[in-house]
Amino acid sequence: MSVIEYATVPRFNIPDKMPRAELTLREAANVLNVSEPFLATLLDTGEIPSQRTENRIRINSDDLVAFQAEQKRLHLETVDELVEEGQLLNPNY
């Protein structure tokens, strides 16, 4: 059984109900459990879409959930690949 198959229960840091559809930089950083400067970098590179008006940044909660789900998928995929490599190098692994 692969790690992806085993990890059927998502373990996201996102509340069941978001307080609103758009989050501030601070709220989004808290949901992702990252610093505000790191999140700002993700927004600047376009990894997470955002809306900027004057001096305010707003992040759509659906975009945040999609980003976190994709990061989780990539993480599990990488772990699965590492387990397969480990089993090839050491069958008793």
C-alpha atoms as a PDB file:
ATOM      1  CA  MET A   1       0.000   0.000   0.000  1.00  0.00           C
ATOM      2  CA  SER A   2       1.400   3.396  -0.948  1.00  0.00           C
ATOM      3  CA  VAL A   3       1.654   6.318   1.424  1.00  0.00           C
ATOM      4  CA  ILE A   4      -0.860   8.216  -0.703  1.00  0.00           C
ATOM      5  CA  GLU A   5      -3.398   5.411  -0.321  1.00  0.00           C
ATOM      6  CA  TYR A   6      -2.665   5.158   3.409  1.00  0.00           C
ATOM      7  CA  ALA A   7      -3.119   8.861   4.057  1.00  0.00           C
ATOM      8  CA  THR A   8      -6.817   9.058   3.294  1.00  0.00           C
ATOM      9  CA  VAL A   9      -7.644  11.520   6.064  1.00  0.00           C
ATOM     10  CA  PRO A  10      -6.525  15.059   5.204  1.00  0.00           C
ATOM     11  CA  ARG A  11      -4.726  16.804   8.041  1.00  0.00           C
ATOM     12  CA  PHE A  12      -5.071  20.427   7.025  1.00  0.00           C
ATOM     13  CA  ASN A  13      -4.710  23.342   9.376  1.00  0.00           C
ATOM     14  CA  ILE A  14      -7.856  24.926   7.964  1.00  0.00           C
ATOM     15  CA  PRO A  15     -10.940  25.454  10.114  1.00  0.00           C
ATOM     16  CA  ASP A  16     -14.167  23.745   9.064  1.00  0.00           C
ATOM     17  CA  LYS A  17     -15.649  27.103   8.177  1.00  0.00           C
ATOM     18  CA  MET A  18     -13.557  30.034   7.105  1.00  0.00           C
ATOM     19  CA  PRO A  19     -14.553  33.307   8.763  1.00  0.00           C
ATOM     20  CA  ARG A  20     -15.114  34.850   5.320  1.00  0.00           C
ATOM     21  CA  ALA A  21     -14.300  34.238   1.671  1.00  0.00           C
ATOM     22  CA  GLU A  22     -11.325  36.629   1.666  1.00  0.00           C
ATOM     23  CA  LEU A  23      -8.570  36.560   4.250  1.00  0.00           C
ATOM     24  CA  THR A  24      -5.949  39.109   5.215  1.00  0.00           C
ATOM     25  CA  LEU A  25      -2.260  38.321   4.909  1.00  0.00           C
ATOM     26  CA  ARG A  26      -2.055  37.624   8.638  1.00  0.00           C
ATOM     27  CA  GLU A  27      -5.123  35.356   8.668  1.00  0.00           C
ATOM     28  CA  ALA A  28      -3.879  33.381   5.653  1.00  0.00           C
ATOM     29  CA  ALA A  29      -0.400  33.042   7.188  1.00  0.00           C
ATOM     30  CA  ASN A  30      -1.981  31.691  10.375  1.00  0.00           C
ATOM     31  CA  VAL A  31      -4.032  29.147   8.413  1.00  0.00           C
ATOM     32  CA  LEU A  32      -0.929  27.913   6.581  1.00  0.00           C
ATOM     33  CA  ASN A  33       1.196  28.172   9.730  1.00  0.00           C
ATOM     34  CA  VAL A  34       3.861  30.220   7.922  1.00  0.00           C
ATOM     35  CA  SER A  35       5.305  33.683   8.449  1.00  0.00           C
ATOM     36  CA  GLU A  36       3.749  36.697   6.762  1.00  0.00           C
ATOM     37  CA  PRO A  37       6.951  37.463   4.773  1.00  0.00           C
ATOM     38  CA  PHE A  38       7.053  33.871   3.458  1.00  0.00           C
ATOM     39  CA  LEU A  39       3.392  34.061   2.442  1.00  0.00           C
ATOM     40  CA  ALA A  40       4.054  37.412   0.753  1.00  0.00           C
ATOM     41  CA  THR A  41       6.749  35.675  -1.321  1.00  0.00           C
ATOM     42  CA  LEU A  42       4.263  32.981  -2.364  1.00  0.00           C
ATOM     43  CA  LEU A  43       1.808  35.704  -3.359  1.00  0.00           C
ATOM     44  CA  ASP A  44       4.455  37.694  -5.267  1.00  0.00           C
ATOM     45  CA  THR A  45       5.514  34.615  -7.260  1.00  0.00           C
ATOM     46  CA  GLY A  46       1.882  33.824  -8.071  1.00  0.00           C
ATOM     47  CA  GLU A  47       1.823  30.451  -6.324  1.00  0.00           C
ATOM     48  CA  ILE A  48      -1.250  31.662  -4.464  1.00  0.00           C
ATOM     49  CA  PRO A  49      -3.531  34.144  -6.231  1.00  0.00           C
ATOM     50  CA  SER A  50      -4.346  37.351  -4.366  1.00  0.00           C
ATOM     51  CA  GLN A  51      -6.073  40.673  -4.852  1.00  0.00           C
ATOM     52  CA  ARG A  52      -4.241  43.887  -4.028  1.00  0.00           C
ATOM     53  CA  THR A  53      -6.035  47.160  -3.459  1.00  0.00           C
ATOM     54  CA  GLU A  54      -4.011  50.183  -2.359  1.00  0.00           C
ATOM     55  CA  ASN A  55      -2.045  48.852   0.634  1.00  0.00           C
ATOM     56  CA  ARG A  56      -4.205  45.787   1.335  1.00  0.00           C
ATOM     57  CA  ILE A  57      -3.788  42.187   0.271  1.00  0.00           C
ATOM     58  CA  ARG A  58      -6.711  39.761   0.211  1.00  0.00           C
ATOM     59  CA  ILE A  59      -6.475  36.020  -0.344  1.00  0.00           C
ATOM     60  CA  ASN A  60      -9.493  33.975  -1.369  1.00  0.00           C
ATOM     61  CA  SER A  61     -10.036  31.116   1.093  1.00  0.00           C
ATOM     62  CA  ASP A  62     -10.757  28.685  -1.775  1.00  0.00           C
ATOM     63  CA  ASP A  63      -7.366  29.515  -3.319  1.00  0.00           C
ATOM     64  CA  LEU A  64      -5.721  28.930   0.053  1.00  0.00           C
ATOM     65  CA  VAL A  65      -7.424  25.553   0.464  1.00  0.00           C
ATOM     66  CA  ALA A  66      -6.428  24.559  -3.081  1.00  0.00           C
ATOM     67  CA  PHE A  67      -2.800  25.560  -2.446  1.00  0.00           C
ATOM     68  CA  GLN A  68      -2.628  23.601   0.789  1.00  0.00           C
ATOM     69  CA  ALA A  69      -4.251  20.530  -0.799  1.00  0.00           C
ATOM     70  CA  GLU A  70      -1.732  20.638  -3.662  1.00  0.00           C
ATOM     71  CA  GLN A  71       1.170  20.956  -1.211  1.00  0.00           C
ATOM     72  CA  LYS A  72      -0.141  17.964   0.728  1.00  0.00           C
ATOM     73  CA  ARG A  73      -0.472  15.944  -2.491  1.00  0.00           C
ATOM     74  CA  LEU A  74       3.086  16.794  -3.532  1.00  0.00           C
ATOM     75  CA  HIS A  75       4.369  15.906  -0.070  1.00  0.00           C
ATOM     76  CA  LEU A  76       2.683  12.500  -0.071  1.00  0.00           C
ATOM     77  CA  GLU A  77       3.889  11.827  -3.615  1.00  0.00           C
ATOM     78  CA  THR A  78       7.472  12.575  -2.577  1.00  0.00           C
ATOM     79  CA  VAL A  79       7.225  10.388   0.520  1.00  0.00           C
ATOM     80  CA  ASP A  80       5.849   7.552  -1.608  1.00  0.00           C
ATOM     81  CA  GLU A  81       8.772   7.887  -4.045  1.00  0.00           C
ATOM     82  CA  LEU A  82      11.273   7.867  -1.173  1.00  0.00           C
ATOM     83  CA  VAL A  83       9.717   4.726   0.305  1.00  0.00           C
ATOM     84  CA  GLU A  84       9.923   3.001  -3.083  1.00  0.00           C
ATOM     85  CA  GLU A  85      13.606   3.984  -3.411  1.00  0.00           C
ATOM     86  CA  GLY A  86      14.294   2.733   0.084  1.00  0.00           C
ATOM     87  CA  GLN A  87      12.686  -0.604  -0.697  1.00  0.00           C
ATOM     88  CA  LEU A  88      14.793  -0.960  -3.859  1.00  0.00           C
ATOM     89  CA  LEU A  89      18.002  -0.231  -1.973  1.00  0.00           C
ATOM     90  CA  ASN A  90      17.098  -2.364   1.037  1.00  0.00           C
ATOM     91  CA  PRO A  91      14.264  -4.893   0.572  1.00  0.00           C
ATOM     92  CA  ASN A  92      13.886  -5.194   4.360  1.00  0.00           C
ATOM     93  CA  TYR A  93      13.164  -1.444   4.591  1.00  0.00           C
END
